[in-house]
Every structure is written in structure tokens, then in C-alpha cells.
């Protein structure tokens, strides 16, 4: 199943982001956003998570969770 994810790169490999992104695309990742500070968001099949996590260039792979914030006029829950 495809999941929304966030990947944080190891800071020692920030100069190789383009190569890492190419490899993530080869693994089937759909890249949504790339941030200069070493984070990328996208969509990836869940069965690829462990493989991607094992790369030395990857510091963290985390499922992107949706957070719902109620409107300011609603009661505190």
C-alpha cells in the first residue's frame, strides 16, 4: 500500500541529494517536495520502507501523519 512519507537525509550527504533523489525515484517513490535543509516528502510503497531506511544517506523515514486541528471557535476536547 502506498503511504505519504517524510525522509530526512543524513547531513553528511546533503551534497548528494540529487543522486539520492534519483535512486528514490528508481525505487518507485513519487517525490512531492524537496527542502534545502535535507527533507523530502512523497509517496512510497510500504514494502520499500525498510530497504530505504537501511541506506546510510537516510537518517529517518517516517510516515506522514495527517493532523486535524478544529476551528478556533469549537470547544476544547
PDB file of N, CA and C in Angstrom:
ATOM      1  N   UNK A   1       0.829  -1.169   0.000  1.00  0.00           N
ATOM      2  CA  UNK A   1       0.000   0.000   0.000  1.00  0.00           C
ATOM      3  C   UNK A   1       0.887   1.251   0.000  1.00  0.00           C
ATOM      4  N   UNK A   2       0.526   2.225  -0.795  1.00  0.00           N
ATOM      5  CA  UNK A   2       1.297   3.467  -0.859  1.00  0.00           C
ATOM      6  C   UNK A   2       0.963   4.350   0.325  1.00  0.00           C
ATOM      7  N   UNK A   3       2.017   4.969   0.867  1.00  0.00           N
ATOM      8  CA  UNK A   3       1.877   5.837   2.038  1.00  0.00           C
ATOM      9  C   UNK A   3       2.589   7.160   1.784  1.00  0.00           C
ATOM     10  N   UNK A   4       2.069   8.221   2.393  1.00  0.00           N
ATOM     11  CA  UNK A   4       2.761   9.508   2.390  1.00  0.00           C
ATOM     12  C   UNK A   4       3.886   9.422   3.401  1.00  0.00           C
ATOM     13  N   UNK A   5       5.077   9.850   3.007  1.00  0.00           N
ATOM     14  CA  UNK A   5       6.240   9.748   3.897  1.00  0.00           C
ATOM     15  C   UNK A   5       7.054  11.033   3.900  1.00  0.00           C
ATOM     16  N   UNK A   6       7.855  11.148   4.938  1.00  0.00           N
ATOM     17  CA  UNK A   6       8.879  12.180   5.049  1.00  0.00           C
ATOM     18  C   UNK A   6      10.214  11.477   5.237  1.00  0.00           C
ATOM     19  N   UNK A   7      11.213  11.920   4.503  1.00  0.00           N
ATOM     20  CA  UNK A   7      12.562  11.370   4.632  1.00  0.00           C
ATOM     21  C   UNK A   7      13.495  12.510   5.007  1.00  0.00           C
ATOM     22  N   UNK A   8      14.305  12.256   6.033  1.00  0.00           N
ATOM     23  CA  UNK A   8      15.345  13.206   6.430  1.00  0.00           C
ATOM     24  C   UNK A   8      16.684  12.600   6.047  1.00  0.00           C
ATOM     25  N   UNK A   9      17.493  13.391   5.360  1.00  0.00           N
ATOM     26  CA  UNK A   9      18.808  12.917   4.926  1.00  0.00           C
ATOM     27  C   UNK A   9      19.855  13.142   6.007  1.00  0.00           C
ATOM     28  N   UNK A  10      20.826  12.244   6.058  1.00  0.00           N
ATOM     29  CA  UNK A  10      21.992  12.413   6.908  1.00  0.00           C
ATOM     30  C   UNK A  10      22.736  13.653   6.405  1.00  0.00           C
ATOM     31  N   UNK A  11      23.070  14.560   7.307  1.00  0.00           N
ATOM     32  CA  UNK A  11      23.682  15.826   6.895  1.00  0.00           C
ATOM     33  C   UNK A  11      25.015  15.651   6.171  1.00  0.00           C
ATOM     34  N   UNK A  12      25.682  14.530   6.380  1.00  0.00           N
ATOM     35  CA  UNK A  12      26.951  14.279   5.687  1.00  0.00           C
ATOM     36  C   UNK A  12      26.769  14.028   4.196  1.00  0.00           C
ATOM     37  N   UNK A  13      25.530  13.833   3.756  1.00  0.00           N
ATOM     38  CA  UNK A  13      25.263  13.509   2.347  1.00  0.00           C
ATOM     39  C   UNK A  13      24.393  14.548   1.655  1.00  0.00           C
ATOM     40  N   UNK A  14      24.244  15.732   2.260  1.00  0.00           N
ATOM     41  CA  UNK A  14      23.388  16.756   1.658  1.00  0.00           C
ATOM     42  C   UNK A  14      23.886  17.202   0.290  1.00  0.00           C
ATOM     43  N   UNK A  15      25.180  17.101   0.052  1.00  0.00           N
ATOM     44  CA  UNK A  15      25.727  17.466  -1.258  1.00  0.00           C
ATOM     45  C   UNK A  15      25.399  16.427  -2.336  1.00  0.00           C
ATOM     46  N   UNK A  16      24.816  15.295  -1.937  1.00  0.00           N
ATOM     47  CA  UNK A  16      24.463  14.231  -2.883  1.00  0.00           C
ATOM     48  C   UNK A  16      22.951  14.069  -3.050  1.00  0.00           C
ATOM     49  N   UNK A  17      22.190  15.095  -2.674  1.00  0.00           N
ATOM     50  CA  UNK A  17      20.731  14.974  -2.700  1.00  0.00           C
ATOM     51  C   UNK A  17      20.208  14.567  -4.072  1.00  0.00           C
ATOM     52  N   UNK A  18      20.738  15.159  -5.133  1.00  0.00           N
ATOM     53  CA  UNK A  18      20.238  14.831  -6.478  1.00  0.00           C
ATOM     54  C   UNK A  18      20.395  13.345  -6.794  1.00  0.00           C
ATOM     55  N   UNK A  19      21.538  12.775  -6.429  1.00  0.00           N
ATOM     56  CA  UNK A  19      21.757  11.338  -6.666  1.00  0.00           C
ATOM     57  C   UNK A  19      20.821  10.483  -5.817  1.00  0.00           C
ATOM     58  N   UNK A  20      20.622  10.899  -4.569  1.00  0.00           N
ATOM     59  CA  UNK A  20      19.731  10.151  -3.681  1.00  0.00           C
ATOM     60  C   UNK A  20      18.299  10.213  -4.199  1.00  0.00           C
ATOM     61  N   UNK A  21      17.871  11.381  -4.646  1.00  0.00           N
ATOM     62  CA  UNK A  21      16.517  11.529  -5.191  1.00  0.00           C
ATOM     63  C   UNK A  21      16.327  10.648  -6.425  1.00  0.00           C
ATOM     64  N   UNK A  22      17.339  10.579  -7.268  1.00  0.00           N
ATOM     65  CA  UNK A  22      17.261   9.692  -8.443  1.00  0.00           C
ATOM     66  C   UNK A  22      17.052   8.246  -8.009  1.00  0.00           C
ATOM     67  N   UNK A  23      17.793   7.828  -6.995  1.00  0.00           N
ATOM     68  CA  UNK A  23      17.660   6.448  -6.529  1.00  0.00           C
ATOM     69  C   UNK A  23      16.284   6.208  -5.906  1.00  0.00           C
ATOM     70  N   UNK A  24      15.786   7.181  -5.138  1.00  0.00           N
ATOM     71  CA  UNK A  24      14.449   7.040  -4.551  1.00  0.00           C
ATOM     72  C   UNK A  24      13.387   6.918  -5.646  1.00  0.00           C
ATOM     73  N   UNK A  25      13.540   7.682  -6.713  1.00  0.00           N
ATOM     74  CA  UNK A  25      12.604   7.568  -7.849  1.00  0.00           C
ATOM     75  C   UNK A  25      12.699   6.185  -8.488  1.00  0.00           C
ATOM     76  N   UNK A  26      13.917   5.667  -8.622  1.00  0.00           N
ATOM     77  CA  UNK A  26      14.093   4.313  -9.179  1.00  0.00           C
ATOM     78  C   UNK A  26      13.402   3.269  -8.317  1.00  0.00           C
ATOM     79  N   UNK A  27      13.339   3.511  -7.010  1.00  0.00           N
ATOM     80  CA  UNK A  27      12.676   2.602  -6.079  1.00  0.00           C
ATOM     81  C   UNK A  27      11.153   2.782  -6.085  1.00  0.00           C
ATOM     82  N   UNK A  28      10.681   3.744  -6.886  1.00  0.00           N
ATOM     83  CA  UNK A  28       9.244   3.934  -7.036  1.00  0.00           C
ATOM     84  C   UNK A  28       8.653   5.080  -6.240  1.00  0.00           C
ATOM     85  N   UNK A  29       9.498   5.877  -5.613  1.00  0.00           N
ATOM     86  CA  UNK A  29       8.977   6.993  -4.819  1.00  0.00           C
ATOM     87  C   UNK A  29       8.509   8.115  -5.721  1.00  0.00           C
ATOM     88  N   UNK A  30       7.334   8.646  -5.400  1.00  0.00           N
ATOM     89  CA  UNK A  30       6.828   9.847  -6.051  1.00  0.00           C
ATOM     90  C   UNK A  30       7.204  10.999  -5.128  1.00  0.00           C
ATOM     91  N   UNK A  31       8.025  11.906  -5.617  1.00  0.00           N
ATOM     92  CA  UNK A  31       8.540  12.988  -4.793  1.00  0.00           C
ATOM     93  C   UNK A  31       7.636  14.210  -4.943  1.00  0.00           C
ATOM     94  N   UNK A  32       7.151  14.706  -3.803  1.00  0.00           N
ATOM     95  CA  UNK A  32       6.271  15.875  -3.798  1.00  0.00           C
ATOM     96  C   UNK A  32       7.039  17.167  -3.546  1.00  0.00           C
ATOM     97  N   UNK A  33       7.880  17.172  -2.521  1.00  0.00           N
ATOM     98  CA  UNK A  33       8.637  18.372  -2.146  1.00  0.00           C
ATOM     99  C   UNK A  33      10.037  17.987  -1.696  1.00  0.00           C
ATOM    100  N   UNK A  34      10.985  18.862  -2.043  1.00  0.00           N
ATOM    101  CA  UNK A  34      12.364  18.707  -1.584  1.00  0.00           C
ATOM    102  C   UNK A  34      12.740  20.016  -0.898  1.00  0.00           C
ATOM    103  N   UNK A  35      13.199  19.904   0.333  1.00  0.00           N
ATOM    104  CA  UNK A  35      13.557  21.085   1.110  1.00  0.00           C
ATOM    105  C   UNK A  35      15.071  21.175   1.241  1.00  0.00           C
ATOM    106  N   UNK A  36      15.582  22.396   1.177  1.00  0.00           N
ATOM    107  CA  UNK A  36      17.032  22.635   1.203  1.00  0.00           C
ATOM    108  C   UNK A  36      17.710  22.117   2.464  1.00  0.00           C
ATOM    109  N   UNK A  37      16.958  21.978   3.540  1.00  0.00           N
ATOM    110  CA  UNK A  37      17.548  21.550   4.804  1.00  0.00           C
ATOM    111  C   UNK A  37      17.614  20.029   4.942  1.00  0.00           C
ATOM    112  N   UNK A  38      17.353  19.298   3.837  1.00  0.00           N
ATOM    113  CA  UNK A  38      17.579  17.858   3.840  1.00  0.00           C
ATOM    114  C   UNK A  38      16.377  16.998   4.137  1.00  0.00           C
ATOM    115  N   UNK A  39      15.204  17.486   3.771  1.00  0.00           N
ATOM    116  CA  UNK A  39      13.980  16.717   3.968  1.00  0.00           C
ATOM    117  C   UNK A  39      13.246  16.630   2.633  1.00  0.00           C
ATOM    118  N   UNK A  40      12.663  15.464   2.383  1.00  0.00           N
ATOM    119  CA  UNK A  40      11.867  15.266   1.177  1.00  0.00           C
ATOM    120  C   UNK A  40      10.551  14.607   1.576  1.00  0.00           C
ATOM    121  N   UNK A  41       9.473  15.026   0.924  1.00  0.00           N
ATOM    122  CA  UNK A  41       8.179  14.390   1.168  1.00  0.00           C
ATOM    123  C   UNK A  41       7.732  13.731  -0.130  1.00  0.00           C
ATOM    124  N   UNK A  42       6.960  12.653   0.032  1.00  0.00           N
ATOM    125  CA  UNK A  42       6.486  11.958  -1.145  1.00  0.00           C
ATOM    126  C   UNK A  42       5.637  10.757  -0.799  1.00  0.00           C
ATOM    127  N   UNK A  43       5.480   9.894  -1.784  1.00  0.00           N
ATOM    128  CA  UNK A  43       4.653   8.697  -1.654  1.00  0.00           C
ATOM    129  C   UNK A  43       5.504   7.492  -2.033  1.00  0.00           C
ATOM    130  N   UNK A  44       5.406   6.434  -1.204  1.00  0.00           N
ATOM    131  CA  UNK A  44       6.202   5.232  -1.433  1.00  0.00           C
ATOM    132  C   UNK A  44       5.423   4.018  -0.966  1.00  0.00           C
ATOM    133  N   UNK A  45       5.616   2.907  -1.659  1.00  0.00           N
ATOM    134  CA  UNK A  45       5.012   1.644  -1.234  1.00  0.00           C
ATOM    135  C   UNK A  45       5.584   1.251   0.119  1.00  0.00           C
ATOM    136  N   UNK A  46       4.714   0.830   1.010  1.00  0.00           N
ATOM    137  CA  UNK A  46       5.114   0.488   2.371  1.00  0.00           C
ATOM    138  C   UNK A  46       6.164  -0.624   2.416  1.00  0.00           C
ATOM    139  N   UNK A  47       6.116  -1.547   1.467  1.00  0.00           N
ATOM    140  CA  UNK A  47       7.079  -2.652   1.477  1.00  0.00           C
ATOM    141  C   UNK A  47       8.501  -2.216   1.120  1.00  0.00           C
ATOM    142  N   UNK A  48       8.696  -0.964   0.731  1.00  0.00           N
ATOM    143  CA  UNK A  48      10.035  -0.427   0.429  1.00  0.00           C
ATOM    144  C   UNK A  48      10.644   0.318   1.614  1.00  0.00           C
ATOM    145  N   UNK A  49       9.867   0.555   2.671  1.00  0.00           N
ATOM    146  CA  UNK A  49      10.329   1.368   3.790  1.00  0.00           C
ATOM    147  C   UNK A  49      11.635   0.856   4.383  1.00  0.00           C
ATOM    148  N   UNK A  50      11.697  -0.420   4.712  1.00  0.00           N
ATOM    149  CA  UNK A  50      12.886  -0.959   5.381  1.00  0.00           C
ATOM    150  C   UNK A  50      14.125  -0.862   4.491  1.00  0.00           C
ATOM    151  N   UNK A  51      13.968  -1.106   3.216  1.00  0.00           N
ATOM    152  CA  UNK A  51      15.106  -1.004   2.299  1.00  0.00           C
ATOM    153  C   UNK A  51      15.645   0.423   2.281  1.00  0.00           C
ATOM    154  N   UNK A  52      14.749   1.396   2.167  1.00  0.00           N
ATOM    155  CA  UNK A  52      15.166   2.798   2.124  1.00  0.00           C
ATOM    156  C   UNK A  52      15.785   3.211   3.455  1.00  0.00           C
ATOM    157  N   UNK A  53      15.216   2.753   4.557  1.00  0.00           N
ATOM    158  CA  UNK A  53      15.765   3.080   5.882  1.00  0.00           C
ATOM    159  C   UNK A  53      17.188   2.560   6.064  1.00  0.00           C
ATOM    160  N   UNK A  54      17.542   1.527   5.351  1.00  0.00           N
ATOM    161  CA  UNK A  54      18.873   0.934   5.511  1.00  0.00           C
ATOM    162  C   UNK A  54      19.981   1.720   4.811  1.00  0.00           C
ATOM    163  N   UNK A  55      19.644   2.678   3.978  1.00  0.00           N
ATOM    164  CA  UNK A  55      20.661   3.454   3.272  1.00  0.00           C
ATOM    165  C   UNK A  55      21.381   4.384   4.239  1.00  0.00           C
ATOM    166  N   UNK A  56      22.686   4.464   4.128  1.00  0.00           N
ATOM    167  CA  UNK A  56      23.485   5.311   5.012  1.00  0.00           C
ATOM    168  C   UNK A  56      23.141   6.794   4.845  1.00  0.00           C
ATOM    169  N   UNK A  57      22.621   7.162   3.686  1.00  0.00           N
ATOM    170  CA  UNK A  57      22.282   8.562   3.417  1.00  0.00           C
ATOM    171  C   UNK A  57      20.982   8.991   4.103  1.00  0.00           C
ATOM    172  N   UNK A  58      20.190   8.023   4.537  1.00  0.00           N
ATOM    173  CA  UNK A  58      18.882   8.304   5.123  1.00  0.00           C
ATOM    174  C   UNK A  58      18.990   8.286   6.647  1.00  0.00           C
ATOM    175  N   UNK A  59      18.639   9.395   7.261  1.00  0.00           N
ATOM    176  CA  UNK A  59      18.638   9.483   8.712  1.00  0.00           C
ATOM    177  C   UNK A  59      17.308   8.976   9.278  1.00  0.00           C
ATOM    178  N   UNK A  60      16.205   9.328   8.603  1.00  0.00           N
ATOM    179  CA  UNK A  60      14.882   8.975   9.116  1.00  0.00           C
ATOM    180  C   UNK A  60      13.879   8.864   7.975  1.00  0.00           C
ATOM    181  N   UNK A  61      13.068   7.828   8.009  1.00  0.00           N
ATOM    182  CA  UNK A  61      11.920   7.691   7.122  1.00  0.00           C
ATOM    183  C   UNK A  61      10.716   7.531   8.033  1.00  0.00           C
ATOM    184  N   UNK A  62       9.760   8.438   7.889  1.00  0.00           N
ATOM    185  CA  UNK A  62       8.613   8.455   8.784  1.00  0.00           C
ATOM    186  C   UNK A  62       7.345   8.612   7.966  1.00  0.00           C
ATOM    187  N   UNK A  63       6.326   7.869   8.349  1.00  0.00           N
ATOM    188  CA  UNK A  63       5.038   8.030   7.692  1.00  0.00           C
ATOM    189  C   UNK A  63       4.485   9.405   8.048  1.00  0.00           C
ATOM    190  N   UNK A  64       4.040  10.127   7.038  1.00  0.00           N
ATOM    191  CA  UNK A  64       3.491  11.467   7.216  1.00  0.00           C
ATOM    192  C   UNK A  64       2.057  11.336   7.708  1.00  0.00           C
ATOM    193  N   UNK A  65       1.827  11.787   8.925  1.00  0.00           N
ATOM    194  CA  UNK A  65       0.504  11.661   9.523  1.00  0.00           C
ATOM    195  C   UNK A  65      -0.269  12.958   9.377  1.00  0.00           C
ATOM    196  N   UNK A  66      -1.528  12.824   9.033  1.00  0.00           N
ATOM    197  CA  UNK A  66      -2.392  13.985   8.892  1.00  0.00           C
ATOM    198  C   UNK A  66      -2.898  14.392  10.275  1.00  0.00           C
ATOM    199  N   UNK A  67      -2.815  15.669  10.558  1.00  0.00           N
ATOM    200  CA  UNK A  67      -3.282  16.196  11.832  1.00  0.00           C
ATOM    201  C   UNK A  67      -4.452  17.128  11.560  1.00  0.00           C
ATOM    202  N   UNK A  68      -5.543  16.908  12.252  1.00  0.00           N
ATOM    203  CA  UNK A  68      -6.717  17.765  12.112  1.00  0.00           C
ATOM    204  C   UNK A  68      -6.810  18.695  13.306  1.00  0.00           C
ATOM    205  N   UNK A  69      -6.836  19.975  13.019  1.00  0.00           N
ATOM    206  CA  UNK A  69      -6.968  20.981  14.063  1.00  0.00           C
ATOM    207  C   UNK A  69      -8.361  21.589  13.924  1.00  0.00           C
ATOM    208  N   UNK A  70      -9.156  21.533  14.997  1.00  0.00           N
ATOM    209  CA  UNK A  70     -10.508  22.078  14.915  1.00  0.00           C
ATOM    210  C   UNK A  70     -10.477  23.601  14.781  1.00  0.00           C
ATOM    211  N   UNK A  71     -11.539  24.166  14.229  1.00  0.00           N
ATOM    212  CA  UNK A  71     -11.619  25.629  14.135  1.00  0.00           C
ATOM    213  C   UNK A  71     -11.525  26.277  15.518  1.00  0.00           C
ATOM    214  N   UNK A  72     -11.058  27.515  15.591  1.00  0.00           N
ATOM    215  CA  UNK A  72     -10.827  28.155  16.888  1.00  0.00           C
ATOM    216  C   UNK A  72     -12.092  28.362  17.727  1.00  0.00           C
ATOM    217  N   UNK A  73     -13.254  28.347  17.107  1.00  0.00           N
ATOM    218  CA  UNK A  73     -14.484  28.585  17.872  1.00  0.00           C
ATOM    219  C   UNK A  73     -15.108  27.310  18.433  1.00  0.00           C
ATOM    220  N   UNK A  74     -14.485  26.155  18.194  1.00  0.00           N
ATOM    221  CA  UNK A  74     -15.018  24.897  18.731  1.00  0.00           C
ATOM    222  C   UNK A  74     -14.544  24.686  20.171  1.00  0.00           C
ATOM    223  N   UNK A  75     -15.305  23.890  20.914  1.00  0.00           N
ATOM    224  CA  UNK A  75     -14.967  23.582  22.299  1.00  0.00           C
ATOM    225  C   UNK A  75     -13.663  22.795  22.368  1.00  0.00           C
ATOM    226  N   UNK A  76     -12.947  22.948  23.469  1.00  0.00           N
ATOM    227  CA  UNK A  76     -11.725  22.189  23.712  1.00  0.00           C
ATOM    228  C   UNK A  76     -12.108  20.734  23.972  1.00  0.00           C
ATOM    229  N   UNK A  77     -11.349  19.821  23.393  1.00  0.00           N
ATOM    230  CA  UNK A  77     -11.670  18.407  23.548  1.00  0.00           C
ATOM    231  C   UNK A  77     -10.839  17.773  24.624  1.00  0.00           C
TER     232      UNK A  77
END
